[in-house]
PDB file of N, CA and C in Angstrom:
ATOM      1  N   MET A   1     -23.556  18.734 -80.592  1.00  0.00           N
ATOM      2  CA  MET A   1     -22.459  18.488 -79.686  1.00  0.00           C
ATOM      3  C   MET A   1     -22.869  17.443 -78.656  1.00  0.00           C
ATOM      4  N   SER A   2     -21.894  16.701 -78.179  1.00  0.00           N
ATOM      5  CA  SER A   2     -22.209  15.685 -77.194  1.00  0.00           C
ATOM      6  C   SER A   2     -22.497  16.328 -75.845  1.00  0.00           C
ATOM      7  N   ARG A   3     -23.281  15.632 -75.083  1.00  0.00           N
ATOM      8  CA  ARG A   3     -23.660  16.143 -73.765  1.00  0.00           C
ATOM      9  C   ARG A   3     -22.436  16.242 -72.855  1.00  0.00           C
ATOM     10  N   LYS A   4     -21.542  15.243 -72.935  1.00  0.00           N
ATOM     11  CA  LYS A   4     -20.350  15.243 -72.100  1.00  0.00           C
ATOM     12  C   LYS A   4     -19.466  16.443 -72.429  1.00  0.00           C
ATOM     13  N   PHE A   5     -19.331  16.763 -73.722  1.00  0.00           N
ATOM     14  CA  PHE A   5     -18.522  17.909 -74.123  1.00  0.00           C
ATOM     15  C   PHE A   5     -19.121  19.189 -73.568  1.00  0.00           C
ATOM     16  N   CYS A   6     -20.444  19.335 -73.695  1.00  0.00           N
ATOM     17  CA  CYS A   6     -21.110  20.543 -73.191  1.00  0.00           C
ATOM     18  C   CYS A   6     -20.935  20.673 -71.680  1.00  0.00           C
ATOM     19  N   LEU A   7     -21.047  19.548 -70.963  1.00  0.00           N
ATOM     20  CA  LEU A   7     -20.851  19.587 -69.519  1.00  0.00           C
ATOM     21  C   LEU A   7     -19.412  19.958 -69.176  1.00  0.00           C
ATOM     22  N   THR A   8     -18.471  19.432 -69.944  1.00  0.00           N
ATOM     23  CA  THR A   8     -17.070  19.742 -69.700  1.00  0.00           C
ATOM     24  C   THR A   8     -16.803  21.223 -69.917  1.00  0.00           C
ATOM     25  N   VAL A   9     -17.320  21.774 -71.011  1.00  0.00           N
ATOM     26  CA  VAL A   9     -17.136  23.198 -71.292  1.00  0.00           C
ATOM     27  C   VAL A   9     -17.802  24.037 -70.206  1.00  0.00           C
ATOM     28  N   SER A  10     -18.994  23.637 -69.786  1.00  0.00           N
ATOM     29  CA  SER A  10     -19.695  24.380 -68.738  1.00  0.00           C
ATOM     30  C   SER A  10     -18.917  24.343 -67.423  1.00  0.00           C
ATOM     31  N   ALA A  11     -18.392  23.178 -67.080  1.00  0.00           N
ATOM     32  CA  ALA A  11     -17.619  23.058 -65.847  1.00  0.00           C
ATOM     33  C   ALA A  11     -16.350  23.898 -65.920  1.00  0.00           C
ATOM     34  N   ALA A  12     -15.695  23.881 -67.074  1.00  0.00           N
ATOM     35  CA  ALA A  12     -14.477  24.668 -67.240  1.00  0.00           C
ATOM     36  C   ALA A  12     -14.779  26.158 -67.105  1.00  0.00           C
ATOM     37  N   ALA A  13     -15.870  26.592 -67.713  1.00  0.00           N
ATOM     38  CA  ALA A  13     -16.244  28.004 -67.627  1.00  0.00           C
ATOM     39  C   ALA A  13     -16.547  28.393 -66.181  1.00  0.00           C
ATOM     40  N   ALA A  14     -17.204  27.512 -65.453  1.00  0.00           N
ATOM     41  CA  ALA A  14     -17.516  27.798 -64.055  1.00  0.00           C
ATOM     42  C   ALA A  14     -16.250  27.898 -63.220  1.00  0.00           C
ATOM     43  N   LEU A  15     -15.284  27.015 -63.479  1.00  0.00           N
ATOM     44  CA  LEU A  15     -14.038  27.060 -62.733  1.00  0.00           C
ATOM     45  C   LEU A  15     -13.254  28.324 -63.036  1.00  0.00           C
ATOM     46  N   VAL A  16     -13.225  28.719 -64.295  1.00  0.00           N
ATOM     47  CA  VAL A  16     -12.510  29.936 -64.673  1.00  0.00           C
ATOM     48  C   VAL A  16     -13.196  31.150 -64.063  1.00  0.00           C
ATOM     49  N   ALA A  17     -14.525  31.176 -64.101  1.00  0.00           N
ATOM     50  CA  ALA A  17     -15.271  32.304 -63.556  1.00  0.00           C
ATOM     51  C   ALA A  17     -15.093  32.406 -62.044  1.00  0.00           C
ATOM     52  N   ALA A  18     -14.923  31.267 -61.389  1.00  0.00           N
ATOM     53  CA  ALA A  18     -14.787  31.259 -59.939  1.00  0.00           C
ATOM     54  C   ALA A  18     -13.365  31.552 -59.479  1.00  0.00           C
ATOM     55  N   ALA A  19     -12.409  31.484 -60.403  1.00  0.00           N
ATOM     56  CA  ALA A  19     -11.007  31.697 -60.030  1.00  0.00           C
ATOM     57  C   ALA A  19     -10.782  33.152 -59.648  1.00  0.00           C
ATOM     58  N   PRO A  20     -10.065  33.380 -58.565  1.00  0.00           N
ATOM     59  CA  PRO A  20      -9.780  34.759 -58.173  1.00  0.00           C
ATOM     60  C   PRO A  20      -8.818  35.410 -59.161  1.00  0.00           C
ATOM     61  N   ALA A  21      -8.949  36.701 -59.339  1.00  0.00           N
ATOM     62  CA  ALA A  21      -8.087  37.435 -60.269  1.00  0.00           C
ATOM     63  C   ALA A  21      -6.805  37.825 -59.554  1.00  0.00           C
ATOM     64  N   THR A  22      -5.912  36.866 -59.421  1.00  0.00           N
ATOM     65  CA  THR A  22      -4.623  37.124 -58.791  1.00  0.00           C
ATOM     66  C   THR A  22      -3.529  36.895 -59.818  1.00  0.00           C
ATOM     67  N   ALA A  23      -2.344  37.319 -59.485  1.00  0.00           N
ATOM     68  CA  ALA A  23      -1.222  37.145 -60.405  1.00  0.00           C
ATOM     69  C   ALA A  23      -0.960  35.660 -60.616  1.00  0.00           C
ATOM     70  N   ALA A  24      -0.809  35.268 -61.877  1.00  0.00           N
ATOM     71  CA  ALA A  24      -0.518  33.879 -62.210  1.00  0.00           C
ATOM     72  C   ALA A  24       0.931  33.588 -61.894  1.00  0.00           C
ATOM     73  N   PRO A  25       1.208  32.354 -61.497  1.00  0.00           N
ATOM     74  CA  PRO A  25       2.602  32.021 -61.235  1.00  0.00           C
ATOM     75  C   PRO A  25       3.418  32.023 -62.530  1.00  0.00           C
ATOM     76  N   ALA A  26       4.702  32.149 -62.358  1.00  0.00           N
ATOM     77  CA  ALA A  26       5.614  32.174 -63.504  1.00  0.00           C
ATOM     78  C   ALA A  26       5.462  30.925 -64.370  1.00  0.00           C
ATOM     79  N   GLU A  27       5.151  29.807 -63.750  1.00  0.00           N
ATOM     80  CA  GLU A  27       4.997  28.560 -64.507  1.00  0.00           C
ATOM     81  C   GLU A  27       3.866  28.672 -65.537  1.00  0.00           C
ATOM     82  N   ASP A  28       2.771  29.325 -65.176  1.00  0.00           N
ATOM     83  CA  ASP A  28       1.667  29.503 -66.120  1.00  0.00           C
ATOM     84  C   ASP A  28       2.088  30.367 -67.302  1.00  0.00           C
ATOM     85  N   VAL A  29       2.855  31.411 -67.027  1.00  0.00           N
ATOM     86  CA  VAL A  29       3.350  32.281 -68.098  1.00  0.00           C
ATOM     87  C   VAL A  29       4.299  31.485 -68.992  1.00  0.00           C
ATOM     88  N   ARG A  30       5.194  30.720 -68.381  1.00  0.00           N
ATOM     89  CA  ARG A  30       6.137  29.904 -69.160  1.00  0.00           C
ATOM     90  C   ARG A  30       5.372  28.908 -70.046  1.00  0.00           C
ATOM     91  N   CYS A  31       4.392  28.248 -69.473  1.00  0.00           N
ATOM     92  CA  CYS A  31       3.625  27.263 -70.252  1.00  0.00           C
ATOM     93  C   CYS A  31       2.846  27.928 -71.385  1.00  0.00           C
ATOM     94  N   PHE A  32       2.316  29.120 -71.136  1.00  0.00           N
ATOM     95  CA  PHE A  32       1.621  29.836 -72.196  1.00  0.00           C
ATOM     96  C   PHE A  32       2.590  30.161 -73.331  1.00  0.00           C
ATOM     97  N   MET A  33       3.768  30.647 -72.974  1.00  0.00           N
ATOM     98  CA  MET A  33       4.760  30.997 -73.990  1.00  0.00           C
ATOM     99  C   MET A  33       5.213  29.762 -74.769  1.00  0.00           C
ATOM    100  N   LEU A  34       5.490  28.675 -74.064  1.00  0.00           N
ATOM    101  CA  LEU A  34       5.907  27.441 -74.735  1.00  0.00           C
ATOM    102  C   LEU A  34       4.802  26.901 -75.636  1.00  0.00           C
ATOM    103  N   SER A  35       3.581  26.965 -75.157  1.00  0.00           N
ATOM    104  CA  SER A  35       2.445  26.464 -75.949  1.00  0.00           C
ATOM    105  C   SER A  35       2.325  27.236 -77.256  1.00  0.00           C
ATOM    106  N   ASN A  36       2.473  28.539 -77.190  1.00  0.00           N
ATOM    107  CA  ASN A  36       2.427  29.347 -78.418  1.00  0.00           C
ATOM    108  C   ASN A  36       3.558  28.975 -79.361  1.00  0.00           C
ATOM    109  N   LEU A  37       4.746  28.793 -78.819  1.00  0.00           N
ATOM    110  CA  LEU A  37       5.905  28.414 -79.639  1.00  0.00           C
ATOM    111  C   LEU A  37       5.671  27.066 -80.319  1.00  0.00           C
ATOM    112  N   PHE A  38       5.243  26.082 -79.555  1.00  0.00           N
ATOM    113  CA  PHE A  38       5.045  24.738 -80.111  1.00  0.00           C
ATOM    114  C   PHE A  38       3.843  24.685 -81.048  1.00  0.00           C
ATOM    115  N   ALA A  39       2.850  25.527 -80.829  1.00  0.00           N
ATOM    116  CA  ALA A  39       1.703  25.570 -81.748  1.00  0.00           C
ATOM    117  C   ALA A  39       2.142  26.015 -83.136  1.00  0.00           C
ATOM    118  N   GLN A  40       3.180  26.827 -83.190  1.00  0.00           N
ATOM    119  CA  GLN A  40       3.701  27.307 -84.474  1.00  0.00           C
ATOM    120  C   GLN A  40       4.769  26.393 -85.045  1.00  0.00           C
ATOM    121  N   LYS A  41       5.589  25.768 -84.196  1.00  0.00           N
ATOM    122  CA  LYS A  41       6.790  25.077 -84.659  1.00  0.00           C
ATOM    123  C   LYS A  41       6.738  23.552 -84.573  1.00  0.00           C
ATOM    124  N   ALA A  42       5.697  22.980 -83.999  1.00  0.00           N
ATOM    125  CA  ALA A  42       5.651  21.526 -83.811  1.00  0.00           C
ATOM    126  C   ALA A  42       5.710  20.806 -85.165  1.00  0.00           C
ATOM    127  N   ALA A  43       6.295  19.622 -85.140  1.00  0.00           N
ATOM    128  CA  ALA A  43       6.519  18.869 -86.375  1.00  0.00           C
ATOM    129  C   ALA A  43       5.258  18.172 -86.890  1.00  0.00           C
ATOM    130  N   THR A  44       4.342  17.836 -85.995  1.00  0.00           N
ATOM    131  CA  THR A  44       3.136  17.105 -86.414  1.00  0.00           C
ATOM    132  C   THR A  44       1.884  17.911 -86.097  1.00  0.00           C
ATOM    133  N   ASP A  45       0.826  17.612 -86.831  1.00  0.00           N
ATOM    134  CA  ASP A  45      -0.455  18.282 -86.575  1.00  0.00           C
ATOM    135  C   ASP A  45      -0.959  17.971 -85.172  1.00  0.00           C
ATOM    136  N   GLN A  46      -0.780  16.725 -84.717  1.00  0.00           N
ATOM    137  CA  GLN A  46      -1.232  16.340 -83.377  1.00  0.00           C
ATOM    138  C   GLN A  46      -0.514  17.169 -82.310  1.00  0.00           C
ATOM    139  N   ALA A  47       0.790  17.328 -82.459  1.00  0.00           N
ATOM    140  CA  ALA A  47       1.558  18.126 -81.494  1.00  0.00           C
ATOM    141  C   ALA A  47       1.103  19.585 -81.527  1.00  0.00           C
ATOM    142  N   LYS A  48       0.796  20.097 -82.710  1.00  0.00           N
ATOM    143  CA  LYS A  48       0.307  21.470 -82.820  1.00  0.00           C
ATOM    144  C   LYS A  48      -1.033  21.624 -82.109  1.00  0.00           C
ATOM    145  N   LYS A  49      -1.920  20.636 -82.253  1.00  0.00           N
ATOM    146  CA  LYS A  49      -3.232  20.701 -81.605  1.00  0.00           C
ATOM    147  C   LYS A  49      -3.104  20.672 -80.086  1.00  0.00           C
ATOM    148  N   VAL A  50      -2.217  19.828 -79.591  1.00  0.00           N
ATOM    149  CA  VAL A  50      -1.985  19.766 -78.144  1.00  0.00           C
ATOM    150  C   VAL A  50      -1.464  21.114 -77.652  1.00  0.00           C
ATOM    151  N   ALA A  51      -0.532  21.677 -78.387  1.00  0.00           N
ATOM    152  CA  ALA A  51       0.036  22.977 -77.994  1.00  0.00           C
ATOM    153  C   ALA A  51      -1.021  24.076 -78.045  1.00  0.00           C
ATOM    154  N   GLN A  52      -1.882  24.058 -79.061  1.00  0.00           N
ATOM    155  CA  GLN A  52      -2.941  25.071 -79.152  1.00  0.00           C
ATOM    156  C   GLN A  52      -3.910  24.949 -77.988  1.00  0.00           C
ATOM    157  N   SER A  53      -4.298  23.730 -77.660  1.00  0.00           N
ATOM    158  CA  SER A  53      -5.198  23.520 -76.518  1.00  0.00           C
ATOM    159  C   SER A  53      -4.552  24.006 -75.230  1.00  0.00           C
ATOM    160  N   SER A  54      -3.273  23.714 -75.084  1.00  0.00           N
ATOM    161  CA  SER A  54      -2.546  24.159 -73.894  1.00  0.00           C
ATOM    162  C   SER A  54      -2.482  25.683 -73.830  1.00  0.00           C
ATOM    163  N   ALA A  55      -2.277  26.319 -74.971  1.00  0.00           N
ATOM    164  CA  ALA A  55      -2.214  27.782 -75.004  1.00  0.00           C
ATOM    165  C   ALA A  55      -3.528  28.388 -74.517  1.00  0.00           C
ATOM    166  N   TYR A  56      -4.656  27.830 -74.954  1.00  0.00           N
ATOM    167  CA  TYR A  56      -5.953  28.346 -74.507  1.00  0.00           C
ATOM    168  C   TYR A  56      -6.128  28.148 -73.001  1.00  0.00           C
ATOM    169  N   TYR A  57      -5.711  26.997 -72.518  1.00  0.00           N
ATOM    170  CA  TYR A  57      -5.818  26.709 -71.086  1.00  0.00           C
ATOM    171  C   TYR A  57      -5.029  27.743 -70.279  1.00  0.00           C
ATOM    172  N   TYR A  58      -3.774  27.942 -70.662  1.00  0.00           N
ATOM    173  CA  TYR A  58      -2.933  28.871 -69.902  1.00  0.00           C
ATOM    174  C   TYR A  58      -3.348  30.325 -70.108  1.00  0.00           C
ATOM    175  N   LEU A  59      -3.881  30.659 -71.275  1.00  0.00           N
ATOM    176  CA  LEU A  59      -4.407  32.002 -71.484  1.00  0.00           C
ATOM    177  C   LEU A  59      -5.521  32.286 -70.481  1.00  0.00           C
ATOM    178  N   GLY A  60      -6.377  31.313 -70.273  1.00  0.00           N
ATOM    179  CA  GLY A  60      -7.450  31.468 -69.288  1.00  0.00           C
ATOM    180  C   GLY A  60      -6.917  31.684 -67.885  1.00  0.00           C
ATOM    181  N   LYS A  61      -5.824  31.020 -67.564  1.00  0.00           N
ATOM    182  CA  LYS A  61      -5.235  31.183 -66.239  1.00  0.00           C
ATOM    183  C   LYS A  61      -4.601  32.561 -66.053  1.00  0.00           C
ATOM    184  N   LEU A  62      -4.232  33.202 -67.161  1.00  0.00           N
ATOM    185  CA  LEU A  62      -3.581  34.515 -67.073  1.00  0.00           C
ATOM    186  C   LEU A  62      -4.573  35.671 -67.070  1.00  0.00           C
ATOM    187  N   GLN A  63      -5.839  35.384 -67.322  1.00  0.00           N
ATOM    188  CA  GLN A  63      -6.845  36.447 -67.336  1.00  0.00           C
ATOM    189  C   GLN A  63      -6.920  37.115 -65.974  1.00  0.00           C
ATOM    190  N   GLY A  64      -7.071  38.406 -65.996  1.00  0.00           N
ATOM    191  CA  GLY A  64      -7.184  39.162 -64.757  1.00  0.00           C
ATOM    192  C   GLY A  64      -5.844  39.637 -64.215  1.00  0.00           C
ATOM    193  N   MET A  65      -4.773  39.213 -64.853  1.00  0.00           N
ATOM    194  CA  MET A  65      -3.447  39.641 -64.406  1.00  0.00           C
ATOM    195  C   MET A  65      -3.173  41.042 -64.930  1.00  0.00           C
ATOM    196  N   GLY A  66      -2.569  41.855 -64.124  1.00  0.00           N
ATOM    197  CA  GLY A  66      -2.224  43.209 -64.536  1.00  0.00           C
ATOM    198  C   GLY A  66      -1.158  43.217 -65.615  1.00  0.00           C
ATOM    199  N   ASP A  67      -1.219  44.222 -66.477  1.00  0.00           N
ATOM    200  CA  ASP A  67      -0.265  44.320 -67.591  1.00  0.00           C
ATOM    201  C   ASP A  67       1.182  44.344 -67.115  1.00  0.00           C
ATOM    202  N   ALA A  68       1.457  45.110 -66.083  1.00  0.00           N
ATOM    203  CA  ALA A  68       2.843  45.232 -65.605  1.00  0.00           C
ATOM    204  C   ALA A  68       3.359  43.887 -65.098  1.00  0.00           C
ATOM    205  N   ASP A  69       2.533  43.177 -64.343  1.00  0.00           N
ATOM    206  CA  ASP A  69       2.942  41.864 -63.836  1.00  0.00           C
ATOM    207  C   ASP A  69       3.174  40.885 -64.981  1.00  0.00           C
ATOM    208  N   LEU A  70       2.275  40.905 -65.942  1.00  0.00           N
ATOM    209  CA  LEU A  70       2.401  39.991 -67.071  1.00  0.00           C
ATOM    210  C   LEU A  70       3.663  40.294 -67.883  1.00  0.00           C
ATOM    211  N   ARG A  71       3.906  41.560 -68.143  1.00  0.00           N
ATOM    212  CA  ARG A  71       5.128  41.935 -68.886  1.00  0.00           C
ATOM    213  C   ARG A  71       6.385  41.517 -68.130  1.00  0.00           C
ATOM    214  N   ARG A  72       6.384  41.706 -66.826  1.00  0.00           N
ATOM    215  CA  ARG A  72       7.544  41.339 -66.012  1.00  0.00           C
ATOM    216  C   ARG A  72       7.786  39.829 -66.071  1.00  0.00           C
ATOM    217  N   LEU A  73       6.720  39.051 -65.913  1.00  0.00           N
ATOM    218  CA  LEU A  73       6.868  37.596 -65.934  1.00  0.00           C
ATOM    219  C   LEU A  73       7.276  37.086 -67.321  1.00  0.00           C
ATOM    220  N   ILE A  74       6.751  37.699 -68.362  1.00  0.00           N
ATOM    221  CA  ILE A  74       7.160  37.307 -69.718  1.00  0.00           C
ATOM    222  C   ILE A  74       8.649  37.564 -69.905  1.00  0.00           C
ATOM    223  N   ALA A  75       9.115  38.722 -69.475  1.00  0.00           N
ATOM    224  CA  ALA A  75      10.545  39.049 -69.605  1.00  0.00           C
ATOM    225  C   ALA A  75      11.402  38.061 -68.817  1.00  0.00           C
ATOM    226  N   GLU A  76      10.957  37.705 -67.618  1.00  0.00           N
ATOM    227  CA  GLU A  76      11.701  36.735 -66.804  1.00  0.00           C
ATOM    228  C   GLU A  76      11.749  35.370 -67.482  1.00  0.00           C
ATOM    229  N   GLN A  77      10.602  34.934 -67.994  1.00  0.00           N
ATOM    230  CA  GLN A  77      10.535  33.599 -68.600  1.00  0.00           C
ATOM    231  C   GLN A  77      11.296  33.528 -69.915  1.00  0.00           C
ATOM    232  N   GLN A  78      11.355  34.616 -70.658  1.00  0.00           N
ATOM    233  CA  GLN A  78      12.129  34.623 -71.900  1.00  0.00           C
ATOM    234  C   GLN A  78      13.596  34.312 -71.621  1.00  0.00           C
ATOM    235  N   LYS A  79      14.082  34.726 -70.469  1.00  0.00           N
ATOM    236  CA  LYS A  79      15.475  34.462 -70.096  1.00  0.00           C
ATOM    237  C   LYS A  79      15.678  33.024 -69.632  1.00  0.00           C
ATOM    238  N   GLN A  80      14.622  32.388 -69.136  1.00  0.00           N
ATOM    239  CA  GLN A  80      14.753  31.053 -68.549  1.00  0.00           C
ATOM    240  C   GLN A  80      14.459  29.918 -69.525  1.00  0.00           C
ATOM    241  N   ILE A  81      13.674  30.184 -70.538  1.00  0.00           N
ATOM    242  CA  ILE A  81      13.344  29.127 -71.505  1.00  0.00           C
ATOM    243  C   ILE A  81      14.554  28.896 -72.400  1.00  0.00           C
ATOM    244  N   THR A  82      14.991  27.658 -72.462  1.00  0.00           N
ATOM    245  CA  THR A  82      16.128  27.312 -73.317  1.00  0.00           C
ATOM    246  C   THR A  82      15.712  26.260 -74.330  1.00  0.00           C
ATOM    247  N   GLN A  83      16.445  26.168 -75.402  1.00  0.00           N
ATOM    248  CA  GLN A  83      16.166  25.160 -76.414  1.00  0.00           C
ATOM    249  C   GLN A  83      16.308  23.756 -75.824  1.00  0.00           C
ATOM    250  N   ALA A  84      17.260  23.600 -74.930  1.00  0.00           N
ATOM    251  CA  ALA A  84      17.512  22.290 -74.330  1.00  0.00           C
ATOM    252  C   ALA A  84      16.355  21.818 -73.449  1.00  0.00           C
ATOM    253  N   SER A  85      15.674  22.749 -72.788  1.00  0.00           N
ATOM    254  CA  SER A  85      14.609  22.356 -71.861  1.00  0.00           C
ATOM    255  C   SER A  85      13.197  22.558 -72.415  1.00  0.00           C
ATOM    256  N   ALA A  86      13.065  23.199 -73.558  1.00  0.00           N
ATOM    257  CA  ALA A  86      11.734  23.566 -74.066  1.00  0.00           C
ATOM    258  C   ALA A  86      10.824  22.356 -74.257  1.00  0.00           C
ATOM    259  N   SER A  87      11.337  21.279 -74.838  1.00  0.00           N
ATOM    260  CA  SER A  87      10.488  20.105 -75.093  1.00  0.00           C
ATOM    261  C   SER A  87      10.011  19.460 -73.805  1.00  0.00           C
ATOM    262  N   SER A  88      10.910  19.273 -72.858  1.00  0.00           N
ATOM    263  CA  SER A  88      10.496  18.636 -71.604  1.00  0.00           C
ATOM    264  C   SER A  88       9.578  19.557 -70.800  1.00  0.00           C
ATOM    265  N   ASP A  89       9.826  20.853 -70.861  1.00  0.00           N
ATOM    266  CA  ASP A  89       8.933  21.805 -70.179  1.00  0.00           C
ATOM    267  C   ASP A  89       7.543  21.792 -70.808  1.00  0.00           C
ATOM    268  N   MET A  90       7.488  21.745 -72.142  1.00  0.00           N
ATOM    269  CA  MET A  90       6.195  21.711 -72.831  1.00  0.00           C
ATOM    270  C   MET A  90       5.445  20.427 -72.496  1.00  0.00           C
ATOM    271  N   LEU A  91       6.160  19.329 -72.394  1.00  0.00           N
ATOM    272  CA  LEU A  91       5.523  18.063 -72.022  1.00  0.00           C
ATOM    273  C   LEU A  91       4.900  18.167 -70.631  1.00  0.00           C
ATOM    274  N   ALA A  92       5.611  18.782 -69.705  1.00  0.00           N
ATOM    275  CA  ALA A  92       5.060  18.975 -68.357  1.00  0.00           C
ATOM    276  C   ALA A  92       3.821  19.864 -68.391  1.00  0.00           C
ATOM    277  N   CYS A  93       3.861  20.907 -69.215  1.00  0.00           N
ATOM    278  CA  CYS A  93       2.695  21.796 -69.357  1.00  0.00           C
ATOM    279  C   CYS A  93       1.492  21.026 -69.912  1.00  0.00           C
ATOM    280  N   ALA A  94       1.731  20.224 -70.941  1.00  0.00           N
ATOM    281  CA  ALA A  94       0.645  19.450 -71.559  1.00  0.00           C
ATOM    282  C   ALA A  94       0.072  18.430 -70.574  1.00  0.00           C
ATOM    283  N   ARG A  95       0.909  17.859 -69.756  1.00  0.00           N
ATOM    284  CA  ARG A  95       0.426  16.902 -68.738  1.00  0.00           C
ATOM    285  C   ARG A  95      -0.481  17.599 -67.731  1.00  0.00           C
ATOM    286  N   THR A  96      -0.140  18.816 -67.367  1.00  0.00           N
ATOM    287  CA  THR A  96      -0.975  19.584 -66.447  1.00  0.00           C
ATOM    288  C   THR A  96      -2.343  19.852 -67.066  1.00  0.00           C
ATOM    289  N   VAL A  97      -2.362  20.214 -68.342  1.00  0.00           N
ATOM    290  CA  VAL A  97      -3.620  20.478 -69.041  1.00  0.00           C
ATOM    291  C   VAL A  97      -4.459  19.196 -69.096  1.00  0.00           C
ATOM    292  N   THR A  98      -3.824  18.082 -69.419  1.00  0.00           N
ATOM    293  CA  THR A  98      -4.529  16.803 -69.492  1.00  0.00           C
ATOM    294  C   THR A  98      -5.125  16.435 -68.142  1.00  0.00           C
ATOM    295  N   ALA A  99      -4.337  16.574 -67.089  1.00  0.00           N
ATOM    296  CA  ALA A  99      -4.828  16.246 -65.748  1.00  0.00           C
ATOM    297  C   ALA A  99      -6.001  17.139 -65.358  1.00  0.00           C
ATOM    298  N   SER A 100      -5.930  18.404 -65.714  1.00  0.00           N
ATOM    299  CA  SER A 100      -7.023  19.322 -65.404  1.00  0.00           C
ATOM    300  C   SER A 100      -8.289  18.939 -66.166  1.00  0.00           C
ATOM    301  N   GLY A 101      -8.133  18.597 -67.440  1.00  0.00           N
ATOM    302  CA  GLY A 101      -9.279  18.165 -68.235  1.00  0.00           C
ATOM    303  C   GLY A 101      -9.905  16.887 -67.699  1.00  0.00           C
ATOM    304  N   GLN A 102      -9.076  15.943 -67.287  1.00  0.00           N
ATOM    305  CA  GLN A 102      -9.594  14.694 -66.719  1.00  0.00           C
ATOM    306  C   GLN A 102     -10.329  14.951 -65.412  1.00  0.00           C
ATOM    307  N   ARG A 103      -9.821  15.867 -64.629  1.00  0.00           N
ATOM    308  CA  ARG A 103     -10.483  16.219 -63.372  1.00  0.00           C
ATOM    309  C   ARG A 103     -11.868  16.797 -63.645  1.00  0.00           C
ATOM    310  N   ILE A 104     -11.938  17.716 -64.583  1.00  0.00           N
ATOM    311  CA  ILE A 104     -13.224  18.332 -64.912  1.00  0.00           C
ATOM    312  C   ILE A 104     -14.193  17.286 -65.464  1.00  0.00           C
ATOM    313  N   GLN A 105     -13.703  16.412 -66.332  1.00  0.00           N
ATOM    314  CA  GLN A 105     -14.567  15.374 -66.899  1.00  0.00           C
ATOM    315  C   GLN A 105     -15.074  14.417 -65.835  1.00  0.00           C
ATOM    316  N   SER A 106     -14.314  14.238 -64.769  1.00  0.00           N
ATOM    317  CA  SER A 106     -14.752  13.328 -63.704  1.00  0.00           C
ATOM    318  C   SER A 106     -15.994  13.845 -62.989  1.00  0.00           C
ATOM    319  N   PHE A 107     -16.294  15.140 -63.124  1.00  0.00           N
ATOM    320  CA  PHE A 107     -17.482  15.705 -62.501  1.00  0.00           C
ATOM    321  C   PHE A 107     -18.753  15.424 -63.300  1.00  0.00           C
ATOM    322  N   ALA A 108     -18.607  15.060 -64.560  1.00  0.00           N
ATOM    323  CA  ALA A 108     -19.774  14.802 -65.411  1.00  0.00           C
ATOM    324  C   ALA A 108     -20.439  13.501 -64.977  1.00  0.00           C
ATOM    325  N   PRO A 109     -21.764  13.461 -64.983  1.00  0.00           N
ATOM    326  CA  PRO A 109     -22.443  12.217 -64.626  1.00  0.00           C
ATOM    327  C   PRO A 109     -22.142  11.143 -65.670  1.00  0.00           C
ATOM    328  N   ALA A 110     -22.116   9.923 -65.203  1.00  0.00           N
ATOM    329  CA  ALA A 110     -21.851   8.799 -66.104  1.00  0.00           C
ATOM    330  C   ALA A 110     -22.967   8.697 -67.136  1.00  0.00           C
ATOM    331  N   GLN A 111     -22.580   8.407 -68.355  1.00  0.00           N
ATOM    332  CA  GLN A 111     -23.575   8.256 -69.411  1.00  0.00           C
ATOM    333  C   GLN A 111     -24.112   6.839 -69.393  1.00  0.00           C
ATOM    334  N   ALA A 112     -25.411   6.732 -69.558  1.00  0.00           N
ATOM    335  CA  ALA A 112     -26.038   5.410 -69.623  1.00  0.00           C
ATOM    336  C   ALA A 112     -25.670   4.751 -70.946  1.00  0.00           C
ATOM    337  N   ALA A 113     -25.533   3.435 -70.899  1.00  0.00           N
ATOM    338  CA  ALA A 113     -25.217   2.695 -72.123  1.00  0.00           C
ATOM    339  C   ALA A 113     -26.401   2.809 -73.079  1.00  0.00           C
ATOM    340  N   PRO A 114     -26.121   2.933 -74.363  1.00  0.00           N
ATOM    341  CA  PRO A 114     -27.228   3.035 -75.316  1.00  0.00           C
ATOM    342  C   PRO A 114     -28.049   1.744 -75.335  1.00  0.00           C
ATOM    343  N   ARG A 115     -29.349   1.933 -75.499  1.00  0.00           N
ATOM    344  CA  ARG A 115     -30.237   0.766 -75.568  1.00  0.00           C
ATOM    345  C   ARG A 115     -30.076   0.080 -76.903  1.00  0.00           C
ATOM    346  N   PRO A 116     -30.144  -1.245 -76.918  1.00  0.00           N
ATOM    347  CA  PRO A 116     -30.036  -1.945 -78.197  1.00  0.00           C
ATOM    348  C   PRO A 116     -31.238  -1.613 -79.086  1.00  0.00           C
ATOM    349  N   ALA A 117     -31.011  -1.658 -80.362  1.00  0.00           N
ATOM    350  CA  ALA A 117     -32.103  -1.388 -81.315  1.00  0.00           C
ATOM    351  C   ALA A 117     -33.162  -2.490 -81.200  1.00  0.00           C
ATOM    352  N   PRO A 118     -34.441  -2.119 -81.338  1.00  0.00           N
ATOM    353  CA  PRO A 118     -35.499  -3.135 -81.238  1.00  0.00           C
ATOM    354  C   PRO A 118     -35.405  -4.129 -82.407  1.00  0.00           C
ATOM    355  N   ARG A 119     -35.720  -5.359 -82.114  1.00  0.00           N
ATOM    356  CA  ARG A 119     -35.704  -6.398 -83.152  1.00  0.00           C
ATOM    357  C   ARG A 119     -37.005  -6.353 -83.927  1.00  0.00           C
ATOM    358  N   ARG A 120     -36.882  -6.637 -85.204  1.00  0.00           N
ATOM    359  CA  ARG A 120     -38.080  -6.621 -86.050  1.00  0.00           C
ATOM    360  C   ARG A 120     -38.455  -7.988 -86.491  1.00  0.00           C
TER     361      ARG A 120
END
């Protein structure tokens, strides 16, 4: 594995571990639900991969939430998600995941350029 990937995973794990176990906002629940839907129903493999990555991200944000709170928020979001808004909502969710990943990657030290091969 690349060093940058390992650093990114380590940074993500540290951020998740440091996050307080409080109730996730409704938006996180909505994004998790949309991500699962699009991971199953997306038209392209690329869209499915983005949705799967987003689902893992939002699943991590929901950890530590009580069952009753999670069930309540899921029920609320099921009423609010519409076919007309699902695509634009999913796009907003994916943008949040991308921005978070870019933020974490910005913490990694810059990689030195590879040295040229010696001449023979």
